[in-house]
Amino acid sequence: MMENGKPGSVRLFTVGNGFTLSRLVLLPIAISGIALDMGYLAVAGMALALISDLLDGRISRRLGTASDFGKNLDSTVDFVLLYSLFITFYAAGRLATYQFAVIYLAMLATLTLQLLSSGVKSDNAVIRTTFGKPAGALQYTYLLILVAREVAPRQTVLALVGSVLFGILAAAIGLYVIECVVRVRKLIASPGRDPS
């Protein structure tokens, strides 16, 4: 890998990566807002996390510090943020069990695919799938609806949009899980798989 003209060098501490890591600092703020029924705190934490998510890659590319490490860090932090908040909403009683089960299925599919593919030699540690990005974007959007409902719980429009969005999200997760199962079966059957 080459970055900043030096073969093999990767800068771990960059401005872009700092923006990515800031989401982990904001996560407890959003969790506290949900758990303590302080909706505006949850909205503030999530809004800042969203801004961070929108800026980290752009800043890295602009400064010439984009790297596979940064992309993988971004994916990992997004994973932690999303599922931590979904678990918090479920624990706080603001996410139905069937909704949590569908979302949890996506998390398990992602973890299974990533863990089983970790033995396969690849330039990029994060396995990309056709339906993974759309399912992830829909989860993020649904999470934003849930956070918005923390400050506007009686908004019928938000509830309706949330229900429709969850239906679309469930379909996307279904396709994603099927794709993951197919990929996992290929990984297991692949003779090129690293046995360690």
Protein backbone atom coordinates (compact mmCIF):
# COMPACT_ATOMS: atom_id res chain seq x y z
CA MET A 1 0.00 0.00 0.00
CA MET A 2 1.26 3.46 -0.81
CA GLU A 3 0.24 6.64 0.91
CA ASN A 4 1.85 10.07 0.75
CA GLY A 5 4.44 8.75 -1.70
CA LYS A 6 5.99 6.31 0.77
CA PRO A 7 5.63 2.62 -0.07
CA GLY A 8 4.17 0.58 2.76
CA SER A 9 3.40 3.58 5.01
CA VAL A 10 -0.06 4.04 6.48
CA ARG A 11 -0.86 6.96 8.72
CA LEU A 12 -3.27 5.78 11.38
CA PHE A 13 -3.74 9.13 13.07
CA THR A 14 -5.24 11.43 10.45
CA VAL A 15 -7.90 14.13 10.58
CA GLY A 16 -10.34 11.88 8.69
CA ASN A 17 -9.76 8.99 11.09
CA GLY A 18 -10.22 11.42 13.97
CA PHE A 19 -13.65 12.32 12.61
CA THR A 20 -14.44 8.60 12.30
CA LEU A 21 -13.38 7.90 15.89
CA SER A 22 -15.37 10.88 17.16
CA ARG A 23 -18.50 8.81 16.54
CA LEU A 24 -17.38 6.46 19.32
CA VAL A 25 -17.15 9.46 21.66
CA LEU A 26 -20.64 10.60 20.60
CA LEU A 27 -22.17 7.13 20.99
CA PRO A 28 -22.52 7.24 24.81
CA ILE A 29 -24.19 10.64 24.50
CA ALA A 30 -26.83 9.25 22.13
CA ILE A 31 -27.26 6.12 24.26
CA SER A 32 -27.69 8.22 27.41
CA GLY A 33 -30.27 10.39 25.69
CA ILE A 34 -32.32 7.31 24.75
CA ALA A 35 -31.92 5.50 28.08
CA LEU A 36 -32.67 8.58 30.19
CA ASP A 37 -35.58 9.82 28.03
CA MET A 38 -33.62 12.93 27.10
CA GLY A 39 -34.56 13.02 23.43
CA TYR A 40 -32.69 16.18 22.58
CA LEU A 41 -29.46 14.70 23.91
CA ALA A 42 -29.98 11.64 21.68
CA VAL A 43 -30.72 13.87 18.69
CA ALA A 44 -27.63 16.03 19.35
CA GLY A 45 -25.35 12.99 19.66
CA MET A 46 -26.78 11.39 16.54
CA ALA A 47 -26.69 14.62 14.51
CA LEU A 48 -23.02 15.14 15.31
CA ALA A 49 -22.30 11.47 14.52
CA LEU A 50 -24.04 11.86 11.15
CA ILE A 51 -22.00 14.98 10.34
CA SER A 52 -18.84 13.07 11.26
CA ASP A 53 -19.89 10.19 8.99
CA LEU A 54 -20.50 12.57 6.09
CA LEU A 55 -17.16 14.36 6.53
CA ASP A 56 -14.55 11.72 7.42
CA GLY A 57 -14.10 10.21 3.95
CA ARG A 58 -14.30 13.57 2.18
CA ILE A 59 -11.63 15.04 4.45
CA SER A 60 -9.38 12.01 3.99
CA ARG A 61 -9.64 12.19 0.20
CA ARG A 62 -9.15 15.97 0.19
CA LEU A 63 -6.02 15.72 2.36
CA GLY A 64 -4.69 12.70 0.46
CA THR A 65 -4.77 10.47 3.54
CA ALA A 66 -7.47 8.01 2.42
CA SER A 67 -6.46 4.40 3.04
CA ASP A 68 -7.89 0.90 3.36
CA PHE A 69 -7.34 1.24 7.11
CA GLY A 70 -9.56 4.34 7.16
CA LYS A 71 -12.28 2.60 5.11
CA ASN A 72 -12.21 -0.42 7.40
CA LEU A 73 -12.22 1.82 10.49
CA ASP A 74 -15.24 3.69 9.10
CA SER A 75 -17.14 0.43 8.47
CA THR A 76 -16.29 -0.91 11.93
CA VAL A 77 -17.30 2.29 13.74
CA ASP A 78 -20.56 2.48 11.75
CA PHE A 79 -21.28 -1.15 12.69
CA VAL A 80 -20.69 -0.46 16.39
CA LEU A 81 -22.74 2.75 16.31
CA LEU A 82 -25.72 1.29 14.47
CA TYR A 83 -26.13 -1.88 16.46
CA SER A 84 -25.36 -0.26 19.83
CA LEU A 85 -28.16 2.21 19.24
CA PHE A 86 -30.59 -0.42 17.97
CA ILE A 87 -29.86 -2.52 21.08
CA THR A 88 -30.42 0.58 23.23
CA PHE A 89 -33.78 1.30 21.56
CA TYR A 90 -34.82 -2.31 22.09
CA ALA A 91 -33.70 -2.33 25.74
CA ALA A 92 -35.57 0.96 26.30
CA GLY A 93 -38.76 -0.62 24.91
CA ARG A 94 -38.94 1.60 21.86
CA LEU A 95 -38.23 -1.06 19.25
CA ALA A 96 -40.56 -4.04 18.85
CA THR A 97 -39.11 -7.51 19.29
CA TYR A 98 -39.84 -8.49 15.66
CA GLN A 99 -38.10 -5.32 14.43
CA PHE A 100 -35.11 -5.98 16.63
CA ALA A 101 -35.00 -9.61 15.43
CA VAL A 102 -34.84 -8.51 11.77
CA ILE A 103 -32.11 -5.96 12.49
CA TYR A 104 -30.21 -8.43 14.67
CA LEU A 105 -30.32 -10.94 11.81
CA ALA A 106 -28.49 -8.40 9.61
CA MET A 107 -25.87 -7.95 12.33
CA LEU A 108 -25.34 -11.71 12.66
CA ALA A 109 -25.09 -12.12 8.87
CA THR A 110 -22.46 -9.39 8.68
CA LEU A 111 -20.42 -10.84 11.54
CA THR A 112 -20.61 -14.37 10.15
CA LEU A 113 -19.51 -13.27 6.69
CA GLN A 114 -16.65 -11.14 8.01
CA LEU A 115 -15.40 -13.77 10.45
CA LEU A 116 -15.48 -16.62 7.94
CA SER A 117 -13.83 -14.49 5.27
CA SER A 118 -11.03 -13.34 7.58
CA GLY A 119 -8.95 -16.39 6.65
CA VAL A 120 -9.20 -15.59 2.94
CA LYS A 121 -6.30 -13.55 1.62
CA SER A 122 -7.62 -10.18 0.48
CA ASP A 123 -6.31 -6.64 0.02
CA ASN A 124 -9.38 -5.29 1.79
CA ALA A 125 -10.45 -6.80 5.11
CA VAL A 126 -14.11 -5.76 4.76
CA ILE A 127 -16.05 -8.01 2.39
CA ARG A 128 -18.33 -5.99 0.14
CA THR A 129 -21.74 -7.32 -0.91
CA THR A 130 -24.39 -6.16 -3.36
CA PHE A 131 -27.12 -5.65 -0.75
CA GLY A 132 -24.91 -4.72 2.21
CA LYS A 133 -24.57 -1.02 1.42
CA PRO A 134 -28.30 -0.44 0.68
CA ALA A 135 -29.32 -2.44 3.77
CA GLY A 136 -26.84 -0.44 5.87
CA ALA A 137 -28.08 2.89 4.48
CA LEU A 138 -31.68 1.89 5.20
CA GLN A 139 -30.73 0.87 8.75
CA TYR A 140 -29.03 4.22 9.27
CA THR A 141 -32.09 6.05 7.92
CA TYR A 142 -34.43 4.00 10.11
CA LEU A 143 -32.22 4.76 13.09
CA LEU A 144 -32.54 8.49 12.31
CA ILE A 145 -36.34 8.10 12.31
CA LEU A 146 -36.18 6.38 15.70
CA VAL A 147 -33.99 9.18 17.07
CA ALA A 148 -36.33 11.84 15.64
CA ARG A 149 -39.23 10.11 17.41
CA GLU A 150 -37.37 10.70 20.69
CA VAL A 151 -38.24 14.39 20.41
CA ALA A 152 -41.48 14.06 18.44
CA PRO A 153 -43.05 10.80 19.70
CA ARG A 154 -46.63 11.68 18.79
CA GLN A 155 -45.97 12.61 15.19
CA THR A 156 -48.22 10.36 13.11
CA VAL A 157 -46.23 11.17 9.97
CA LEU A 158 -42.98 9.95 11.57
CA ALA A 159 -44.69 6.76 12.73
CA LEU A 160 -46.09 6.12 9.24
CA VAL A 161 -42.76 6.86 7.54
CA GLY A 162 -41.05 4.61 10.08
CA SER A 163 -43.44 1.73 9.39
CA VAL A 164 -43.06 1.99 5.62
CA LEU A 165 -39.30 2.37 5.91
CA PHE A 166 -39.09 -0.67 8.18
CA GLY A 167 -40.95 -2.75 5.59
CA ILE A 168 -38.44 -1.73 2.92
CA LEU A 169 -35.59 -2.30 5.37
CA ALA A 170 -36.85 -5.80 6.22
CA ALA A 171 -36.95 -6.71 2.52
CA ALA A 172 -33.41 -5.34 1.99
CA ILE A 173 -32.14 -7.27 5.02
CA GLY A 174 -33.80 -10.42 3.69
CA LEU A 175 -31.94 -10.06 0.38
CA TYR A 176 -28.72 -9.25 2.21
CA VAL A 177 -29.01 -12.30 4.46
CA ILE A 178 -29.63 -14.55 1.44
CA GLU A 179 -26.56 -13.06 -0.25
CA CYS A 180 -24.50 -13.62 2.91
CA VAL A 181 -25.61 -17.25 3.14
CA VAL A 182 -24.58 -17.84 -0.49
CA ARG A 183 -21.22 -16.13 0.10
CA VAL A 184 -20.61 -18.09 3.31
CA ARG A 185 -21.37 -21.38 1.56
CA LYS A 186 -18.89 -20.47 -1.19
CA LEU A 187 -16.26 -19.54 1.40
CA ILE A 188 -16.71 -22.84 3.21
CA ALA A 189 -16.61 -24.84 -0.04
CA SER A 190 -13.70 -22.85 -1.50
CA PRO A 191 -10.45 -24.82 -1.74
CA GLY A 192 -8.48 -21.55 -1.64
CA ARG A 193 -9.64 -20.80 1.89
CA ASP A 194 -6.87 -20.39 4.41
CA PRO A 195 -7.45 -23.18 6.96
CA SER A 196 -6.10 -21.19 9.95
